[in-house]
Each structure stands twice: as C-alpha cells, then as structure tokens.
Amino acid sequence: MKRIKVRLIYKNTQKGFNNVTKITAYSTKGQFTILPDHATLLAALTSPSVTIYTNDKPHTFKITEGFLHFDKNNTLIVIPVD
C-alpha cells in the first residue's frame, strides 16, 4: 500500500511523518481528506485542526490558519504561531 510523507512546520518546530495513510484538514471551502496518490493540491487551511493518520492512529494539531501543499505523496504543512 502506498503511503504519504509529511513535513509539518508547527509552532517553530519541524516534525516528519512517514507511513501516513491519510490527512484530514479544513480549508476555506470546507473539510477535505487526502489519500495516497491524490492530485496535486495547494490549500489555505483554517480552524479547527489538521489530523495526520499514521497506521490509522490520529495525530491532531489545533490551528487557526496555515497552508498545505501535496504533490506526489509528499506533503508540506506550514502552521504559523498564533
């Protein structure tokens, strides 16, 4: 099964996640989910959260805003400090 790699920049720290099965987040258009092999995407993120699932275990980060870029199963999520 294909997996997603995520690089998260959150509160001035960086975290890496491998073996990501899906990502759920909220944008200005509503909630969305990214699965492996999703089309390229650039999204402005909004509250309440971004959730990264590794082996179906959720890692949730509360946010007010941010950006997400997904391309070829690589994701960059930038969440500025509140």
C-alpha atoms as a PDB file:
ATOM      1  CA  MET A   1       0.000   0.000   0.000  1.00  0.00           C
ATOM      2  CA  LYS A   2       1.316   3.456  -0.881  1.00  0.00           C
ATOM      3  CA  ARG A   3       1.885   5.938   1.931  1.00  0.00           C
ATOM      4  CA  ILE A   4       2.274   9.685   2.256  1.00  0.00           C
ATOM      5  CA  LYS A   5       5.289  11.515   3.706  1.00  0.00           C
ATOM      6  CA  VAL A   6       4.515  14.668   5.683  1.00  0.00           C
ATOM      7  CA  ARG A   7       6.778  17.502   6.788  1.00  0.00           C
ATOM      8  CA  LEU A   8       4.987  19.645   9.357  1.00  0.00           C
ATOM      9  CA  ILE A   9       6.237  23.056  10.478  1.00  0.00           C
ATOM     10  CA  TYR A  10       4.231  23.903  13.605  1.00  0.00           C
ATOM     11  CA  LYS A  11       4.976  26.428  16.357  1.00  0.00           C
ATOM     12  CA  ASN A  12       8.562  26.899  15.145  1.00  0.00           C
ATOM     13  CA  THR A  13       9.346  23.175  15.193  1.00  0.00           C
ATOM     14  CA  GLN A  14       9.519  20.602  12.424  1.00  0.00           C
ATOM     15  CA  LYS A  15       8.085  17.112  12.554  1.00  0.00           C
ATOM     16  CA  GLY A  16       8.289  14.378   9.983  1.00  0.00           C
ATOM     17  CA  PHE A  17       5.750  11.628   9.485  1.00  0.00           C
ATOM     18  CA  ASN A  18       6.253   8.561   7.302  1.00  0.00           C
ATOM     19  CA  ASN A  19       3.682   5.845   6.685  1.00  0.00           C
ATOM     20  CA  VAL A  20       0.805   8.339   6.614  1.00  0.00           C
ATOM     21  CA  THR A  21      -2.434   6.724   5.457  1.00  0.00           C
ATOM     22  CA  LYS A  22      -4.492   9.922   5.198  1.00  0.00           C
ATOM     23  CA  ILE A  23      -4.669  13.589   6.141  1.00  0.00           C
ATOM     24  CA  THR A  24      -7.835  15.473   7.068  1.00  0.00           C
ATOM     25  CA  ALA A  25      -7.996  19.235   7.326  1.00  0.00           C
ATOM     26  CA  TYR A  26     -10.244  22.241   6.830  1.00  0.00           C
ATOM     27  CA  SER A  27      -9.861  24.858   4.116  1.00  0.00           C
ATOM     28  CA  THR A  28     -11.838  27.917   3.161  1.00  0.00           C
ATOM     29  CA  LYS A  29     -14.073  25.546   1.125  1.00  0.00           C
ATOM     30  CA  GLY A  30     -14.713  23.050   3.963  1.00  0.00           C
ATOM     31  CA  GLN A  31     -13.259  19.775   5.258  1.00  0.00           C
ATOM     32  CA  PHE A  32     -11.180  17.596   2.950  1.00  0.00           C
ATOM     33  CA  THR A  33      -9.224  14.337   3.074  1.00  0.00           C
ATOM     34  CA  ILE A  34      -6.041  13.433   1.220  1.00  0.00           C
ATOM     35  CA  LEU A  35      -5.252   9.799   0.444  1.00  0.00           C
ATOM     36  CA  PRO A  36      -2.141   8.392  -1.293  1.00  0.00           C
ATOM     37  CA  ASP A  37      -1.893   9.355  -4.999  1.00  0.00           C
ATOM     38  CA  HIS A  38      -4.227  12.350  -4.565  1.00  0.00           C
ATOM     39  CA  ALA A  39      -3.945  15.051  -7.230  1.00  0.00           C
ATOM     40  CA  THR A  40      -1.535  17.922  -6.578  1.00  0.00           C
ATOM     41  CA  LEU A  41      -3.101  20.350  -4.127  1.00  0.00           C
ATOM     42  CA  LEU A  42      -2.335  23.720  -2.548  1.00  0.00           C
ATOM     43  CA  ALA A  43      -4.792  24.729   0.190  1.00  0.00           C
ATOM     44  CA  ALA A  44      -5.190  27.586   2.657  1.00  0.00           C
ATOM     45  CA  LEU A  45      -6.013  25.896   5.967  1.00  0.00           C
ATOM     46  CA  THR A  46      -8.485  27.162   8.558  1.00  0.00           C
ATOM     47  CA  SER A  47      -9.561  26.126  12.048  1.00  0.00           C
ATOM     48  CA  PRO A  48     -10.183  23.875  13.847  1.00  0.00           C
ATOM     49  CA  SER A  49      -7.468  21.275  13.078  1.00  0.00           C
ATOM     50  CA  VAL A  50      -5.261  19.149  10.847  1.00  0.00           C
ATOM     51  CA  THR A  51      -5.147  15.411  11.521  1.00  0.00           C
ATOM     52  CA  ILE A  52      -2.386  13.154  10.207  1.00  0.00           C
ATOM     53  CA  TYR A  53      -3.061   9.414  10.390  1.00  0.00           C
ATOM     54  CA  THR A  54      -0.063   7.065  10.700  1.00  0.00           C
ATOM     55  CA  ASN A  55      -1.115   3.441  10.519  1.00  0.00           C
ATOM     56  CA  ASP A  56      -4.637   4.748  11.260  1.00  0.00           C
ATOM     57  CA  LYS A  57      -3.510   6.394  14.533  1.00  0.00           C
ATOM     58  CA  PRO A  58      -4.549  10.087  14.554  1.00  0.00           C
ATOM     59  CA  HIS A  59      -2.160  12.952  15.357  1.00  0.00           C
ATOM     60  CA  THR A  60      -4.285  16.106  15.641  1.00  0.00           C
ATOM     61  CA  PHE A  61      -2.928  19.662  15.632  1.00  0.00           C
ATOM     62  CA  LYS A  62      -5.222  22.560  16.522  1.00  0.00           C
ATOM     63  CA  ILE A  63      -4.800  25.505  14.155  1.00  0.00           C
ATOM     64  CA  THR A  64      -6.290  28.838  13.209  1.00  0.00           C
ATOM     65  CA  GLU A  65      -4.635  29.098   9.797  1.00  0.00           C
ATOM     66  CA  GLY A  66      -1.895  27.629   7.633  1.00  0.00           C
ATOM     67  CA  PHE A  67      -1.015  26.174   4.244  1.00  0.00           C
ATOM     68  CA  LEU A  68      -0.797  22.661   2.856  1.00  0.00           C
ATOM     69  CA  HIS A  69       0.981  21.560  -0.327  1.00  0.00           C
ATOM     70  CA  PHE A  70       0.597  17.980  -1.594  1.00  0.00           C
ATOM     71  CA  ASP A  71       2.441  16.584  -4.618  1.00  0.00           C
ATOM     72  CA  LYS A  72       3.427  13.002  -5.491  1.00  0.00           C
ATOM     73  CA  ASN A  73       2.696  11.658  -1.982  1.00  0.00           C
ATOM     74  CA  ASN A  74       4.836  14.349  -0.336  1.00  0.00           C
ATOM     75  CA  THR A  75       3.150  16.933   1.851  1.00  0.00           C
ATOM     76  CA  LEU A  76       4.333  20.177   3.419  1.00  0.00           C
ATOM     77  CA  ILE A  77       2.104  21.702   6.089  1.00  0.00           C
ATOM     78  CA  VAL A  78       3.013  25.129   7.500  1.00  0.00           C
ATOM     79  CA  ILE A  79       1.134  26.393  10.549  1.00  0.00           C
ATOM     80  CA  PRO A  80       2.247  29.806  11.834  1.00  0.00           C
ATOM     81  CA  VAL A  81       2.469  30.549  15.542  1.00  0.00           C
ATOM     82  CA  ASP A  82      -0.762  32.028  16.926  1.00  0.00           C
END
